[in-house]
Structures are given as structure tokens and as C-alpha cells.
PDB file of N, CA and C in Angstrom:
ATOM      1  N   MET A   1      96.288  90.345 111.248  1.00  0.00           N
ATOM      2  CA  MET A   1      97.190  89.399 110.636  1.00  0.00           C
ATOM      3  C   MET A   1      96.867  89.332 109.144  1.00  0.00           C
ATOM      4  N   PRO A   2      97.871  89.505 108.304  1.00  0.00           N
ATOM      5  CA  PRO A   2      97.626  89.421 106.861  1.00  0.00           C
ATOM      6  C   PRO A   2      97.125  88.017 106.484  1.00  0.00           C
ATOM      7  N   PRO A   3      96.230  87.921 105.511  1.00  0.00           N
ATOM      8  CA  PRO A   3      95.662  86.611 105.145  1.00  0.00           C
ATOM      9  C   PRO A   3      96.717  85.555 104.813  1.00  0.00           C
ATOM     10  N   GLU A   4      97.783  85.952 104.141  1.00  0.00           N
ATOM     11  CA  GLU A   4      98.803  84.965 103.759  1.00  0.00           C
ATOM     12  C   GLU A   4      99.631  84.471 104.945  1.00  0.00           C
ATOM     13  N   ALA A   5      99.518  85.157 106.085  1.00  0.00           N
ATOM     14  CA  ALA A   5     100.273  84.769 107.276  1.00  0.00           C
ATOM     15  C   ALA A   5      99.420  84.016 108.292  1.00  0.00           C
ATOM     16  N   ARG A   6      98.160  83.841 108.002  1.00  0.00           N
ATOM     17  CA  ARG A   6      97.287  83.148 108.949  1.00  0.00           C
ATOM     18  C   ARG A   6      97.570  81.652 108.944  1.00  0.00           C
ATOM     19  N   TRP A   7      97.441  81.070 110.128  1.00  0.00           N
ATOM     20  CA  TRP A   7      97.770  79.650 110.275  1.00  0.00           C
ATOM     21  C   TRP A   7      96.945  78.787 109.331  1.00  0.00           C
ATOM     22  N   THR A   8      95.680  79.113 109.130  1.00  0.00           N
ATOM     23  CA  THR A   8      94.846  78.298 108.235  1.00  0.00           C
ATOM     24  C   THR A   8      95.420  78.274 106.829  1.00  0.00           C
ATOM     25  N   ASN A   9      95.982  79.388 106.394  1.00  0.00           N
ATOM     26  CA  ASN A   9      96.603  79.428 105.071  1.00  0.00           C
ATOM     27  C   ASN A   9      97.818  78.499 105.018  1.00  0.00           C
ATOM     28  N   LEU A  10      98.666  78.583 106.036  1.00  0.00           N
ATOM     29  CA  LEU A  10      99.842  77.711 106.073  1.00  0.00           C
ATOM     30  C   LEU A  10      99.430  76.248 106.166  1.00  0.00           C
ATOM     31  N   LYS A  11      98.457  75.965 107.003  1.00  0.00           N
ATOM     32  CA  LYS A  11      97.981  74.590 107.175  1.00  0.00           C
ATOM     33  C   LYS A  11      97.437  74.036 105.865  1.00  0.00           C
ATOM     34  N   ASN A  12      96.665  74.848 105.145  1.00  0.00           N
ATOM     35  CA  ASN A  12      96.074  74.397 103.885  1.00  0.00           C
ATOM     36  C   ASN A  12      97.107  74.166 102.787  1.00  0.00           C
ATOM     37  N   GLN A  13      98.278  74.766 102.926  1.00  0.00           N
ATOM     38  CA  GLN A  13      99.313  74.626 101.900  1.00  0.00           C
ATOM     39  C   GLN A  13     100.516  73.811 102.379  1.00  0.00           C
ATOM     40  N   ALA A  14     100.391  73.170 103.525  1.00  0.00           N
ATOM     41  CA  ALA A  14     101.518  72.464 104.139  1.00  0.00           C
ATOM     42  C   ALA A  14     102.141  71.412 103.234  1.00  0.00           C
ATOM     43  N   ARG A  15     101.385  70.796 102.370  1.00  0.00           N
ATOM     44  CA  ARG A  15     101.906  69.712 101.522  1.00  0.00           C
ATOM     45  C   ARG A  15     102.398  70.192 100.151  1.00  0.00           C
ATOM     46  N   GLN A  16     102.394  71.511  99.949  1.00  0.00           N
ATOM     47  CA  GLN A  16     102.900  72.057  98.692  1.00  0.00           C
ATOM     48  C   GLN A  16     104.426  72.010  98.689  1.00  0.00           C
ATOM     49  N   PRO A  17     105.050  71.734  97.549  1.00  0.00           N
ATOM     50  CA  PRO A  17     106.517  71.716  97.507  1.00  0.00           C
ATOM     51  C   PRO A  17     107.132  73.090  97.758  1.00  0.00           C
ATOM     52  N   THR A  18     106.334  74.134  97.672  1.00  0.00           N
ATOM     53  CA  THR A  18     106.812  75.500  97.894  1.00  0.00           C
ATOM     54  C   THR A  18     106.512  75.995  99.305  1.00  0.00           C
ATOM     55  N   ILE A  19     106.256  75.080 100.247  1.00  0.00           N
ATOM     56  CA  ILE A  19     105.864  75.484 101.605  1.00  0.00           C
ATOM     57  C   ILE A  19     106.927  76.370 102.262  1.00  0.00           C
ATOM     58  N   GLY A  20     108.182  76.151 101.978  1.00  0.00           N
ATOM     59  CA  GLY A  20     109.233  77.002 102.544  1.00  0.00           C
ATOM     60  C   GLY A  20     109.075  78.448 102.111  1.00  0.00           C
ATOM     61  N   GLN A  21     108.801  78.653 100.836  1.00  0.00           N
ATOM     62  CA  GLN A  21     108.584  80.004 100.315  1.00  0.00           C
ATOM     63  C   GLN A  21     107.312  80.609 100.900  1.00  0.00           C
ATOM     64  N   ILE A  22     106.306  79.781 101.082  1.00  0.00           N
ATOM     65  CA  ILE A  22     105.037  80.252 101.651  1.00  0.00           C
ATOM     66  C   ILE A  22     105.250  80.731 103.087  1.00  0.00           C
ATOM     67  N   VAL A  23     106.010  79.970 103.879  1.00  0.00           N
ATOM     68  CA  VAL A  23     106.282  80.361 105.264  1.00  0.00           C
ATOM     69  C   VAL A  23     107.130  81.635 105.292  1.00  0.00           C
ATOM     70  N   ASP A  24     108.149  81.710 104.436  1.00  0.00           N
ATOM     71  CA  ASP A  24     108.966  82.928 104.367  1.00  0.00           C
ATOM     72  C   ASP A  24     108.110  84.137 104.007  1.00  0.00           C
ATOM     73  N   GLY A  25     107.196  83.951 103.065  1.00  0.00           N
ATOM     74  CA  GLY A  25     106.296  85.036 102.680  1.00  0.00           C
ATOM     75  C   GLY A  25     105.395  85.458 103.828  1.00  0.00           C
ATOM     76  N   ALA A  26     104.945  84.486 104.606  1.00  0.00           N
ATOM     77  CA  ALA A  26     104.103  84.795 105.772  1.00  0.00           C
ATOM     78  C   ALA A  26     104.889  85.619 106.789  1.00  0.00           C
ATOM     79  N   MET A  27     106.142  85.241 107.010  1.00  0.00           N
ATOM     80  CA  MET A  27     106.980  85.994 107.955  1.00  0.00           C
ATOM     81  C   MET A  27     107.174  87.429 107.470  1.00  0.00           C
ATOM     82  N   GLY A  28     107.431  87.590 106.180  1.00  0.00           N
ATOM     83  CA  GLY A  28     107.591  88.928 105.610  1.00  0.00           C
ATOM     84  C   GLY A  28     106.317  89.754 105.738  1.00  0.00           C
ATOM     85  N   ALA A  29     105.171  89.112 105.512  1.00  0.00           N
ATOM     86  CA  ALA A  29     103.887  89.817 105.626  1.00  0.00           C
ATOM     87  C   ALA A  29     103.639  90.268 107.060  1.00  0.00           C
ATOM     88  N   ILE A  30     103.989  89.420 108.027  1.00  0.00           N
ATOM     89  CA  ILE A  30     103.828  89.793 109.438  1.00  0.00           C
ATOM     90  C   ILE A  30     104.700  90.999 109.752  1.00  0.00           C
ATOM     91  N   GLU A  31     105.927  90.997 109.267  1.00  0.00           N
ATOM     92  CA  GLU A  31     106.829  92.129 109.514  1.00  0.00           C
ATOM     93  C   GLU A  31     106.322  93.417 108.865  1.00  0.00           C
ATOM     94  N   ARG A  32     105.752  93.299 107.666  1.00  0.00           N
ATOM     95  CA  ARG A  32     105.216  94.502 106.996  1.00  0.00           C
ATOM     96  C   ARG A  32     104.060  95.105 107.778  1.00  0.00           C
ATOM     97  N   GLU A  33     103.235  94.246 108.373  1.00  0.00           N
ATOM     98  CA  GLU A  33     102.074  94.715 109.130  1.00  0.00           C
ATOM     99  C   GLU A  33     102.428  95.142 110.558  1.00  0.00           C
ATOM    100  N   ASN A  34     103.569  94.697 111.048  1.00  0.00           N
ATOM    101  CA  ASN A  34     103.974  94.964 112.430  1.00  0.00           C
ATOM    102  C   ASN A  34     105.418  95.453 112.456  1.00  0.00           C
ATOM    103  N   PRO A  35     105.635  96.731 112.257  1.00  0.00           N
ATOM    104  CA  PRO A  35     106.997  97.262 112.202  1.00  0.00           C
ATOM    105  C   PRO A  35     107.856  96.933 113.427  1.00  0.00           C
ATOM    106  N   ALA A  36     107.240  96.659 114.559  1.00  0.00           N
ATOM    107  CA  ALA A  36     108.012  96.343 115.772  1.00  0.00           C
ATOM    108  C   ALA A  36     108.816  95.056 115.617  1.00  0.00           C
ATOM    109  N   VAL A  37     108.415  94.180 114.689  1.00  0.00           N
ATOM    110  CA  VAL A  37     109.155  92.927 114.493  1.00  0.00           C
ATOM    111  C   VAL A  37     109.918  92.900 113.169  1.00  0.00           C
ATOM    112  N   LYS A  38     110.070  94.064 112.559  1.00  0.00           N
ATOM    113  CA  LYS A  38     110.799  94.142 111.284  1.00  0.00           C
ATOM    114  C   LYS A  38     112.210  93.607 111.454  1.00  0.00           C
ATOM    115  N   ASP A  39     112.600  92.737 110.537  1.00  0.00           N
ATOM    116  CA  ASP A  39     113.926  92.101 110.521  1.00  0.00           C
ATOM    117  C   ASP A  39     114.194  91.239 111.754  1.00  0.00           C
ATOM    118  N   VAL A  40     113.140  90.769 112.409  1.00  0.00           N
ATOM    119  CA  VAL A  40     113.293  89.916 113.582  1.00  0.00           C
ATOM    120  C   VAL A  40     112.938  88.462 113.248  1.00  0.00           C
ATOM    121  N   LEU A  41     111.894  88.260 112.473  1.00  0.00           N
ATOM    122  CA  LEU A  41     111.410  86.908 112.203  1.00  0.00           C
ATOM    123  C   LEU A  41     112.308  86.187 111.196  1.00  0.00           C
ATOM    124  N   PRO A  42     112.505  84.883 111.389  1.00  0.00           N
ATOM    125  CA  PRO A  42     113.331  84.129 110.440  1.00  0.00           C
ATOM    126  C   PRO A  42     112.621  83.998 109.103  1.00  0.00           C
ATOM    127  N   LYS A  43     113.384  84.105 108.049  1.00  0.00           N
ATOM    128  CA  LYS A  43     112.838  83.947 106.701  1.00  0.00           C
ATOM    129  C   LYS A  43     113.801  83.092 105.885  1.00  0.00           C
ATOM    130  N   ASP A  44     114.079  81.904 106.409  1.00  0.00           N
ATOM    131  CA  ASP A  44     115.005  81.013 105.706  1.00  0.00           C
ATOM    132  C   ASP A  44     114.432  79.605 105.549  1.00  0.00           C
ATOM    133  N   TYR A  45     113.128  79.507 105.510  1.00  0.00           N
ATOM    134  CA  TYR A  45     112.477  78.208 105.372  1.00  0.00           C
ATOM    135  C   TYR A  45     112.506  77.685 103.934  1.00  0.00           C
ATOM    136  N   ALA A  46     112.848  78.527 102.979  1.00  0.00           N
ATOM    137  CA  ALA A  46     112.931  78.092 101.584  1.00  0.00           C
ATOM    138  C   ALA A  46     114.334  77.610 101.216  1.00  0.00           C
ATOM    139  N   ARG A  47     115.269  77.662 102.167  1.00  0.00           N
ATOM    140  CA  ARG A  47     116.640  77.256 101.843  1.00  0.00           C
ATOM    141  C   ARG A  47     116.663  75.795 101.393  1.00  0.00           C
ATOM    142  N   PRO A  48     117.514  75.483 100.448  1.00  0.00           N
ATOM    143  CA  PRO A  48     117.539  74.126  99.873  1.00  0.00           C
ATOM    144  C   PRO A  48     117.783  73.018 100.903  1.00  0.00           C
ATOM    145  N   ALA A  49     118.556  73.280 101.933  1.00  0.00           N
ATOM    146  CA  ALA A  49     118.902  72.236 102.901  1.00  0.00           C
ATOM    147  C   ALA A  49     117.725  71.824 103.788  1.00  0.00           C
ATOM    148  N   LEU A  50     116.675  72.623 103.849  1.00  0.00           N
ATOM    149  CA  LEU A  50     115.535  72.316 104.705  1.00  0.00           C
ATOM    150  C   LEU A  50     114.580  71.384 103.966  1.00  0.00           C
ATOM    151  N   ASP A  51     114.298  70.246 104.545  1.00  0.00           N
ATOM    152  CA  ASP A  51     113.395  69.257 103.958  1.00  0.00           C
ATOM    153  C   ASP A  51     111.962  69.798 103.985  1.00  0.00           C
ATOM    154  N   LYS A  52     111.433  70.124 102.822  1.00  0.00           N
ATOM    155  CA  LYS A  52     110.096  70.736 102.738  1.00  0.00           C
ATOM    156  C   LYS A  52     108.998  69.758 103.122  1.00  0.00           C
ATOM    157  N   GLU A  53     109.217  68.479 102.883  1.00  0.00           N
ATOM    158  CA  GLU A  53     108.218  67.492 103.286  1.00  0.00           C
ATOM    159  C   GLU A  53     108.102  67.451 104.811  1.00  0.00           C
ATOM    160  N   ARG A  54     109.237  67.493 105.496  1.00  0.00           N
ATOM    161  CA  ARG A  54     109.204  67.501 106.965  1.00  0.00           C
ATOM    162  C   ARG A  54     108.617  68.793 107.503  1.00  0.00           C
ATOM    163  N   LEU A  55     108.901  69.907 106.838  1.00  0.00           N
ATOM    164  CA  LEU A  55     108.309  71.174 107.257  1.00  0.00           C
ATOM    165  C   LEU A  55     106.791  71.080 107.172  1.00  0.00           C
ATOM    166  N   GLY A  56     106.288  70.527 106.078  1.00  0.00           N
ATOM    167  CA  GLY A  56     104.845  70.339 105.932  1.00  0.00           C
ATOM    168  C   GLY A  56     104.277  69.411 106.985  1.00  0.00           C
ATOM    169  N   LEU A  57     105.004  68.340 107.289  1.00  0.00           N
ATOM    170  CA  LEU A  57     104.557  67.412 108.332  1.00  0.00           C
ATOM    171  C   LEU A  57     104.536  68.084 109.703  1.00  0.00           C
ATOM    172  N   LEU A  58     105.514  68.946 109.956  1.00  0.00           N
ATOM    173  CA  LEU A  58     105.541  69.682 111.224  1.00  0.00           C
ATOM    174  C   LEU A  58     104.330  70.604 111.338  1.00  0.00           C
ATOM    175  N   ILE A  59     104.008  71.283 110.245  1.00  0.00           N
ATOM    176  CA  ILE A  59     102.824  72.154 110.249  1.00  0.00           C
ATOM    177  C   ILE A  59     101.574  71.323 110.514  1.00  0.00           C
ATOM    178  N   ASP A  60     101.479  70.159 109.873  1.00  0.00           N
ATOM    179  CA  ASP A  60     100.337  69.268 110.119  1.00  0.00           C
ATOM    180  C   ASP A  60     100.289  68.841 111.579  1.00  0.00           C
ATOM    181  N   LEU A  61     101.436  68.471 112.129  1.00  0.00           N
ATOM    182  CA  LEU A  61     101.502  68.015 113.512  1.00  0.00           C
ATOM    183  C   LEU A  61     101.051  69.109 114.478  1.00  0.00           C
ATOM    184  N   ILE A  62     101.569  70.306 114.283  1.00  0.00           N
ATOM    185  CA  ILE A  62     101.196  71.425 115.151  1.00  0.00           C
ATOM    186  C   ILE A  62      99.711  71.759 114.985  1.00  0.00           C
ATOM    187  N   SER A  63      99.206  71.607 113.778  1.00  0.00           N
ATOM    188  CA  SER A  63      97.794  71.910 113.519  1.00  0.00           C
ATOM    189  C   SER A  63      96.864  70.993 114.289  1.00  0.00           C
ATOM    190  N   ASN A  64      97.345  69.813 114.644  1.00  0.00           N
ATOM    191  CA  ASN A  64      96.504  68.843 115.348  1.00  0.00           C
ATOM    192  C   ASN A  64      96.559  68.992 116.861  1.00  0.00           C
ATOM    193  N   ILE A  65      97.361  69.909 117.355  1.00  0.00           N
ATOM    194  CA  ILE A  65      97.431  70.137 118.797  1.00  0.00           C
ATOM    195  C   ILE A  65      96.257  71.029 119.201  1.00  0.00           C
ATOM    196  N   ARG A  66      95.460  70.547 120.117  1.00  0.00           N
ATOM    197  CA  ARG A  66      94.313  71.332 120.579  1.00  0.00           C
ATOM    198  C   ARG A  66      94.781  72.206 121.731  1.00  0.00           C
ATOM    199  N   VAL A  67      94.815  73.512 121.498  1.00  0.00           N
ATOM    200  CA  VAL A  67      95.270  74.417 122.546  1.00  0.00           C
ATOM    201  C   VAL A  67      94.179  75.356 123.039  1.00  0.00           C
ATOM    202  N   GLY A  68      93.090  75.466 122.313  1.00  0.00           N
ATOM    203  CA  GLY A  68      92.096  76.469 122.668  1.00  0.00           C
ATOM    204  C   GLY A  68      90.941  75.981 123.502  1.00  0.00           C
ATOM    205  N   ASP A  69      90.685  74.679 123.510  1.00  0.00           N
ATOM    206  CA  ASP A  69      89.517  74.218 124.253  1.00  0.00           C
ATOM    207  C   ASP A  69      89.837  74.051 125.740  1.00  0.00           C
ATOM    208  N   ALA A  70      88.812  73.901 126.535  1.00  0.00           N
ATOM    209  CA  ALA A  70      88.984  73.833 127.994  1.00  0.00           C
ATOM    210  C   ALA A  70      89.841  72.643 128.408  1.00  0.00           C
ATOM    211  N   ASP A  71      89.671  71.510 127.741  1.00  0.00           N
ATOM    212  CA  ASP A  71      90.442  70.323 128.089  1.00  0.00           C
ATOM    213  C   ASP A  71      91.936  70.559 127.856  1.00  0.00           C
ATOM    214  N   ALA A  72      92.262  71.157 126.722  1.00  0.00           N
ATOM    215  CA  ALA A  72      93.669  71.418 126.406  1.00  0.00           C
ATOM    216  C   ALA A  72      94.268  72.428 127.379  1.00  0.00           C
ATOM    217  N   ARG A  73      93.521  73.477 127.700  1.00  0.00           N
ATOM    218  CA  ARG A  73      94.025  74.482 128.644  1.00  0.00           C
ATOM    219  C   ARG A  73      94.287  73.879 130.016  1.00  0.00           C
ATOM    220  N   SER A  74      93.455  72.937 130.426  1.00  0.00           N
ATOM    221  CA  SER A  74      93.640  72.329 131.740  1.00  0.00           C
ATOM    222  C   SER A  74      94.878  71.442 131.782  1.00  0.00           C
ATOM    223  N   LYS A  75      95.358  71.006 130.623  1.00  0.00           N
ATOM    224  CA  LYS A  75      96.525  70.131 130.567  1.00  0.00           C
ATOM    225  C   LYS A  75      97.799  70.883 130.204  1.00  0.00           C
ATOM    226  N   ASP A  76      97.727  72.203 130.047  1.00  0.00           N
ATOM    227  CA  ASP A  76      98.889  73.013 129.698  1.00  0.00           C
ATOM    228  C   ASP A  76      99.609  72.437 128.481  1.00  0.00           C
ATOM    229  N   VAL A  77      98.897  72.345 127.375  1.00  0.00           N
ATOM    230  CA  VAL A  77      99.443  71.739 126.163  1.00  0.00           C
ATOM    231  C   VAL A  77     100.694  72.464 125.690  1.00  0.00           C
ATOM    232  N   LEU A  78     100.683  73.788 125.700  1.00  0.00           N
ATOM    233  CA  LEU A  78     101.871  74.511 125.236  1.00  0.00           C
ATOM    234  C   LEU A  78     103.079  74.228 126.125  1.00  0.00           C
ATOM    235  N   GLY A  79     102.846  74.134 127.419  1.00  0.00           N
ATOM    236  CA  GLY A  79     103.942  73.790 128.328  1.00  0.00           C
ATOM    237  C   GLY A  79     104.491  72.413 128.039  1.00  0.00           C
ATOM    238  N   ARG A  80     103.615  71.472 127.741  1.00  0.00           N
ATOM    239  CA  ARG A  80     104.053  70.114 127.423  1.00  0.00           C
ATOM    240  C   ARG A  80     104.817  70.075 126.106  1.00  0.00           C
ATOM    241  N   VAL A  81     104.364  70.845 125.129  1.00  0.00           N
ATOM    242  CA  VAL A  81     105.082  70.913 123.852  1.00  0.00           C
ATOM    243  C   VAL A  81     106.479  71.499 124.069  1.00  0.00           C
ATOM    244  N   TYR A  82     106.555  72.563 124.841  1.00  0.00           N
ATOM    245  CA  TYR A  82     107.847  73.171 125.162  1.00  0.00           C
ATOM    246  C   TYR A  82     108.772  72.156 125.832  1.00  0.00           C
ATOM    247  N   GLU A  83     108.247  71.443 126.820  1.00  0.00           N
ATOM    248  CA  GLU A  83     109.059  70.443 127.515  1.00  0.00           C
ATOM    249  C   GLU A  83     109.524  69.341 126.564  1.00  0.00           C
ATOM    250  N   TYR A  84     108.645  68.931 125.655  1.00  0.00           N
ATOM    251  CA  TYR A  84     109.017  67.897 124.681  1.00  0.00           C
ATOM    252  C   TYR A  84     110.180  68.367 123.823  1.00  0.00           C
ATOM    253  N   PHE A  85     110.051  69.564 123.244  1.00  0.00           N
ATOM    254  CA  PHE A  85     111.112  70.065 122.377  1.00  0.00           C
ATOM    255  C   PHE A  85     112.402  70.300 123.157  1.00  0.00           C
ATOM    256  N   LEU A  86     112.285  70.750 124.390  1.00  0.00           N
ATOM    257  CA  LEU A  86     113.462  70.944 125.219  1.00  0.00           C
ATOM    258  C   LEU A  86     114.165  69.612 125.480  1.00  0.00           C
ATOM    259  N   SER A  87     113.403  68.569 125.754  1.00  0.00           N
ATOM    260  CA  SER A  87     114.006  67.254 126.001  1.00  0.00           C
ATOM    261  C   SER A  87     114.651  66.709 124.729  1.00  0.00           C
ATOM    262  N   GLN A  88     114.019  66.949 123.567  1.00  0.00           N
ATOM    263  CA  GLN A  88     114.601  66.492 122.309  1.00  0.00           C
ATOM    264  C   GLN A  88     115.914  67.219 122.027  1.00  0.00           C
ATOM    265  N   PHE A  89     115.933  68.513 122.302  1.00  0.00           N
ATOM    266  CA  PHE A  89     117.153  69.297 122.121  1.00  0.00           C
ATOM    267  C   PHE A  89     118.247  68.777 123.042  1.00  0.00           C
ATOM    268  N   ALA A  90     117.907  68.551 124.300  1.00  0.00           N
ATOM    269  CA  ALA A  90     118.897  68.073 125.269  1.00  0.00           C
ATOM    270  C   ALA A  90     119.420  66.702 124.859  1.00  0.00           C
ATOM    271  N   SER A  91     118.530  65.843 124.374  1.00  0.00           N
ATOM    272  CA  SER A  91     118.946  64.517 123.933  1.00  0.00           C
ATOM    273  C   SER A  91     119.880  64.605 122.740  1.00  0.00           C
ATOM    274  N   ALA A  92     119.544  65.468 121.784  1.00  0.00           N
ATOM    275  CA  ALA A  92     120.398  65.641 120.599  1.00  0.00           C
ATOM    276  C   ALA A  92     121.756  66.216 120.980  1.00  0.00           C
ATOM    277  N   GLU A  93     121.778  67.151 121.909  1.00  0.00           N
ATOM    278  CA  GLU A  93     123.046  67.733 122.356  1.00  0.00           C
ATOM    279  C   GLU A  93     123.908  66.675 123.037  1.00  0.00           C
ATOM    280  N   GLY A  94     123.280  65.827 123.835  1.00  0.00           N
ATOM    281  CA  GLY A  94     124.013  64.765 124.495  1.00  0.00           C
ATOM    282  C   GLY A  94     124.639  63.807 123.500  1.00  0.00           C
ATOM    283  N   LYS A  95     123.922  63.487 122.445  1.00  0.00           N
ATOM    284  CA  LYS A  95     124.449  62.600 121.404  1.00  0.00           C
ATOM    285  C   LYS A  95     125.583  63.260 120.657  1.00  0.00           C
ATOM    286  N   ALA A  96     125.471  64.577 120.430  1.00  0.00           N
ATOM    287  CA  ALA A  96     126.530  65.290 119.720  1.00  0.00           C
ATOM    288  C   ALA A  96     127.824  65.265 120.520  1.00  0.00           C
ATOM    289  N   PHE A  97     127.700  65.376 121.851  1.00  0.00           N
ATOM    290  CA  PHE A  97     128.893  65.343 122.686  1.00  0.00           C
ATOM    291  C   PHE A  97     129.494  63.938 122.757  1.00  0.00           C
ATOM    292  N   GLU A  98     128.678  62.912 122.657  1.00  0.00           N
ATOM    293  CA  GLU A  98     129.173  61.539 122.720  1.00  0.00           C
ATOM    294  C   GLU A  98     130.017  61.187 121.509  1.00  0.00           C
ATOM    295  N   THR A  99     129.719  61.780 120.347  1.00  0.00           N
ATOM    296  CA  THR A  99     130.423  61.423 119.118  1.00  0.00           C
ATOM    297  C   THR A  99     131.696  62.214 118.932  1.00  0.00           C
ATOM    298  N   THR A 100     131.908  63.252 119.733  1.00  0.00           N
ATOM    299  CA  THR A 100     133.117  64.067 119.549  1.00  0.00           C
ATOM    300  C   THR A 100     134.235  63.619 120.450  1.00  0.00           C
TER     301      THR A 100
END
């Protein structure tokens, strides 16, 4: 993994106003090092419409999830995160249908 694409690098720069560009650069670096994913990874985190403060907060939030230790593995943390995001998506979709 290229140094600029490592999670510690992103985590350390999460509060920078240029975090969108940093994430896009990380995606590009991953693609350069791994031709199998060339032109597959999203590189639109620097777009003006994306709230960079929230992106940084999301990186901070994900950084605090313990996934590697025995306690976290026993609780299937990644599965719980997936279920959470799925429920949030379903809730948002339901609200979108209610307003139309």
C-alpha cells in the first residue's frame, strides 16, 4: 500500500480542509499500485458539494471502530457497521418516498 493511501495517513489528515483531495489522491495511488483496480475506485471526494468537515468526521468515526482485537472480532463489528448503514439507507429511502 502506498504511504499516502494508508489509513494512518488519512486519519492524521482528517481535519485538513483538503481532505477530499487527500482521499482522491489515496485512491489514485492505490490504482497505480494495483492495476486490477484501475479506474474502479471513486475519486470524487474533492467535489465542492461534499462537506469536507463531515468527511473528516467520518474518517475519525471509522478510525475509532475496533475491528482487529479479539473482543471486536467476537462481536462482528464490520457486520454491525454494515447493518447500521443499510438501515440508515433504508430509512432515508423511506423518507424520500414519503415526500414524493
